[in-house]
Amino acid sequence: MRKGFTLLEVLVAVAIAGMAFGTFIVLAGRSADSTDLLLKTTLSTVAANNAINSIVYGGKSYNDKYVNVMGYTVKINQDFEELMGFRVVKVEAGTPDRGVLVELYEAR
């Protein structure tokens, strides 16, 4: 009996290990992308909440305004509508690379 592996067995083992490693790399990349999206959505939500409070209670305007939140640039747009006698303030916020991530509404 011979000890060791044949060339075919080694090639099959390397192919299986390569596919497993490739799958790991793809999943790690998707996880990093999801983390980036969640971080930017959270920061956009914070910026939109701050903006809607400033608009409703402070009388400020946020048309096409860029704010810096923890080192990230967030673009904020506002819009006003009348709906069934209520004044509705709509604020959109998002990052330049992801677009609009959050829409908040406040009715008065």
C-alpha atoms as a PDB file:
ATOM      1  CA  MET A   1       0.000   0.000   0.000  1.00  0.00           C
ATOM      2  CA  ARG A   2       1.120   3.486  -0.832  1.00  0.00           C
ATOM      3  CA  LYS A   3       0.926   6.324   1.632  1.00  0.00           C
ATOM      4  CA  GLY A   4      -0.195   9.781   0.509  1.00  0.00           C
ATOM      5  CA  PHE A   5      -2.712  11.251  -1.855  1.00  0.00           C
ATOM      6  CA  THR A   6      -3.025  11.047  -5.609  1.00  0.00           C
ATOM      7  CA  LEU A   7      -2.888  14.147  -7.765  1.00  0.00           C
ATOM      8  CA  LEU A   8      -6.632  13.911  -8.437  1.00  0.00           C
ATOM      9  CA  GLU A   9      -7.458  13.844  -4.736  1.00  0.00           C
ATOM     10  CA  VAL A  10      -5.278  16.887  -4.109  1.00  0.00           C
ATOM     11  CA  LEU A  11      -6.896  18.790  -7.004  1.00  0.00           C
ATOM     12  CA  VAL A  12     -10.398  17.996  -5.725  1.00  0.00           C
ATOM     13  CA  ALA A  13      -9.460  19.088  -2.197  1.00  0.00           C
ATOM     14  CA  VAL A  14      -7.942  22.359  -3.489  1.00  0.00           C
ATOM     15  CA  ALA A  15     -11.042  23.040  -5.630  1.00  0.00           C
ATOM     16  CA  ILE A  16     -13.368  22.511  -2.659  1.00  0.00           C
ATOM     17  CA  ALA A  17     -11.213  24.714  -0.421  1.00  0.00           C
ATOM     18  CA  GLY A  18     -11.112  27.399  -3.147  1.00  0.00           C
ATOM     19  CA  MET A  19     -14.906  27.435  -3.495  1.00  0.00           C
ATOM     20  CA  ALA A  20     -15.334  27.668   0.268  1.00  0.00           C
ATOM     21  CA  PHE A  21     -12.845  30.544   0.477  1.00  0.00           C
ATOM     22  CA  GLY A  22     -14.509  32.331  -2.457  1.00  0.00           C
ATOM     23  CA  THR A  23     -17.907  32.019  -0.780  1.00  0.00           C
ATOM     24  CA  PHE A  24     -16.460  33.440   2.430  1.00  0.00           C
ATOM     25  CA  ILE A  25     -15.017  36.448   0.563  1.00  0.00           C
ATOM     26  CA  VAL A  26     -18.345  37.171  -1.175  1.00  0.00           C
ATOM     27  CA  LEU A  27     -20.290  36.963   2.091  1.00  0.00           C
ATOM     28  CA  ALA A  28     -17.786  39.181   3.889  1.00  0.00           C
ATOM     29  CA  GLY A  29     -18.131  41.784   1.122  1.00  0.00           C
ATOM     30  CA  ARG A  30     -21.914  41.729   1.356  1.00  0.00           C
ATOM     31  CA  SER A  31     -21.717  42.060   5.129  1.00  0.00           C
ATOM     32  CA  ALA A  32     -19.463  45.108   4.804  1.00  0.00           C
ATOM     33  CA  ASP A  33     -21.850  46.667   2.259  1.00  0.00           C
ATOM     34  CA  SER A  34     -24.843  46.034   4.534  1.00  0.00           C
ATOM     35  CA  THR A  35     -23.002  47.574   7.470  1.00  0.00           C
ATOM     36  CA  ASP A  36     -22.181  50.663   5.405  1.00  0.00           C
ATOM     37  CA  LEU A  37     -25.806  51.017   4.305  1.00  0.00           C
ATOM     38  CA  LEU A  38     -27.112  50.660   7.870  1.00  0.00           C
ATOM     39  CA  LEU A  39     -24.622  53.218   9.195  1.00  0.00           C
ATOM     40  CA  LYS A  40     -25.540  55.756   6.521  1.00  0.00           C
ATOM     41  CA  THR A  41     -29.270  55.140   7.033  1.00  0.00           C
ATOM     42  CA  THR A  42     -28.903  55.672  10.787  1.00  0.00           C
ATOM     43  CA  LEU A  43     -26.902  58.874  10.320  1.00  0.00           C
ATOM     44  CA  SER A  44     -29.420  60.118   7.742  1.00  0.00           C
ATOM     45  CA  THR A  45     -32.247  59.421  10.194  1.00  0.00           C
ATOM     46  CA  VAL A  46     -30.496  61.416  12.921  1.00  0.00           C
ATOM     47  CA  ALA A  47     -29.892  64.316  10.521  1.00  0.00           C
ATOM     48  CA  ALA A  48     -33.511  64.223   9.288  1.00  0.00           C
ATOM     49  CA  ASN A  49     -34.874  64.235  12.851  1.00  0.00           C
ATOM     50  CA  ASN A  50     -32.679  67.192  13.741  1.00  0.00           C
ATOM     51  CA  ALA A  51     -33.725  68.996  10.567  1.00  0.00           C
ATOM     52  CA  ILE A  52     -37.450  68.409  11.087  1.00  0.00           C
ATOM     53  CA  ASN A  53     -37.193  69.716  14.647  1.00  0.00           C
ATOM     54  CA  SER A  54     -35.329  72.802  13.417  1.00  0.00           C
ATOM     55  CA  ILE A  55     -37.904  73.365  10.668  1.00  0.00           C
ATOM     56  CA  VAL A  56     -41.001  72.911  12.824  1.00  0.00           C
ATOM     57  CA  TYR A  57     -39.798  74.538  16.035  1.00  0.00           C
ATOM     58  CA  GLY A  58     -36.985  76.820  14.885  1.00  0.00           C
ATOM     59  CA  GLY A  59     -38.272  78.072  11.540  1.00  0.00           C
ATOM     60  CA  LYS A  60     -35.107  77.122   9.631  1.00  0.00           C
ATOM     61  CA  SER A  61     -34.968  76.084   5.986  1.00  0.00           C
ATOM     62  CA  TYR A  62     -33.237  72.922   4.759  1.00  0.00           C
ATOM     63  CA  ASN A  63     -33.580  73.006   0.962  1.00  0.00           C
ATOM     64  CA  ASP A  64     -30.631  71.179  -0.615  1.00  0.00           C
ATOM     65  CA  LYS A  65     -28.539  71.591   2.509  1.00  0.00           C
ATOM     66  CA  TYR A  66     -25.525  69.434   3.280  1.00  0.00           C
ATOM     67  CA  VAL A  67     -24.713  68.633   6.902  1.00  0.00           C
ATOM     68  CA  ASN A  68     -21.807  66.706   8.380  1.00  0.00           C
ATOM     69  CA  VAL A  69     -22.696  63.897  10.787  1.00  0.00           C
ATOM     70  CA  MET A  70     -19.759  61.971  12.285  1.00  0.00           C
ATOM     71  CA  GLY A  71     -17.603  62.591   9.245  1.00  0.00           C
ATOM     72  CA  TYR A  72     -20.287  61.666   6.687  1.00  0.00           C
ATOM     73  CA  THR A  73     -22.001  64.190   4.425  1.00  0.00           C
ATOM     74  CA  VAL A  74     -25.795  64.009   4.484  1.00  0.00           C
ATOM     75  CA  LYS A  75     -27.973  65.916   2.019  1.00  0.00           C
ATOM     76  CA  ILE A  76     -31.317  67.179   3.355  1.00  0.00           C
ATOM     77  CA  ASN A  77     -34.331  68.380   1.350  1.00  0.00           C
ATOM     78  CA  GLN A  78     -37.600  69.691   2.734  1.00  0.00           C
ATOM     79  CA  ASP A  79     -41.071  70.076   1.298  1.00  0.00           C
ATOM     80  CA  PHE A  80     -44.361  71.433   2.644  1.00  0.00           C
ATOM     81  CA  GLU A  81     -47.811  70.183   1.737  1.00  0.00           C
ATOM     82  CA  GLU A  82     -51.363  70.826   2.852  1.00  0.00           C
ATOM     83  CA  LEU A  83     -53.298  67.669   3.568  1.00  0.00           C
ATOM     84  CA  MET A  84     -56.854  67.772   4.957  1.00  0.00           C
ATOM     85  CA  GLY A  85     -56.192  71.046   6.751  1.00  0.00           C
ATOM     86  CA  PHE A  86     -52.856  69.980   8.190  1.00  0.00           C
ATOM     87  CA  ARG A  87     -49.508  71.413   7.228  1.00  0.00           C
ATOM     88  CA  VAL A  88     -47.242  68.458   6.493  1.00  0.00           C
ATOM     89  CA  VAL A  89     -43.471  68.861   6.553  1.00  0.00           C
ATOM     90  CA  LYS A  90     -41.572  66.258   4.566  1.00  0.00           C
ATOM     91  CA  VAL A  91     -37.818  65.846   5.027  1.00  0.00           C
ATOM     92  CA  GLU A  92     -35.661  63.615   2.847  1.00  0.00           C
ATOM     93  CA  ALA A  93     -32.123  62.763   3.882  1.00  0.00           C
ATOM     94  CA  GLY A  94     -29.395  60.628   2.388  1.00  0.00           C
ATOM     95  CA  THR A  95     -25.775  60.475   1.407  1.00  0.00           C
ATOM     96  CA  PRO A  96     -24.509  61.561  -2.023  1.00  0.00           C
ATOM     97  CA  ASP A  97     -23.343  58.034  -2.905  1.00  0.00           C
ATOM     98  CA  ARG A  98     -26.502  56.201  -1.737  1.00  0.00           C
ATOM     99  CA  GLY A  99     -29.179  58.775  -2.593  1.00  0.00           C
ATOM    100  CA  VAL A 100     -32.260  59.340  -0.441  1.00  0.00           C
ATOM    101  CA  LEU A 101     -32.305  56.870   2.447  1.00  0.00           C
ATOM    102  CA  VAL A 102     -34.901  58.370   4.801  1.00  0.00           C
ATOM    103  CA  GLU A 103     -38.205  60.241   4.471  1.00  0.00           C
ATOM    104  CA  LEU A 104     -39.741  61.760   7.599  1.00  0.00           C
ATOM    105  CA  TYR A 105     -43.098  63.505   7.909  1.00  0.00           C
ATOM    106  CA  GLU A 106     -44.412  65.874  10.559  1.00  0.00           C
ATOM    107  CA  ALA A 107     -48.018  67.055  10.553  1.00  0.00           C
ATOM    108  CA  ARG A 108     -49.154  70.217  12.317  1.00  0.00           C
END
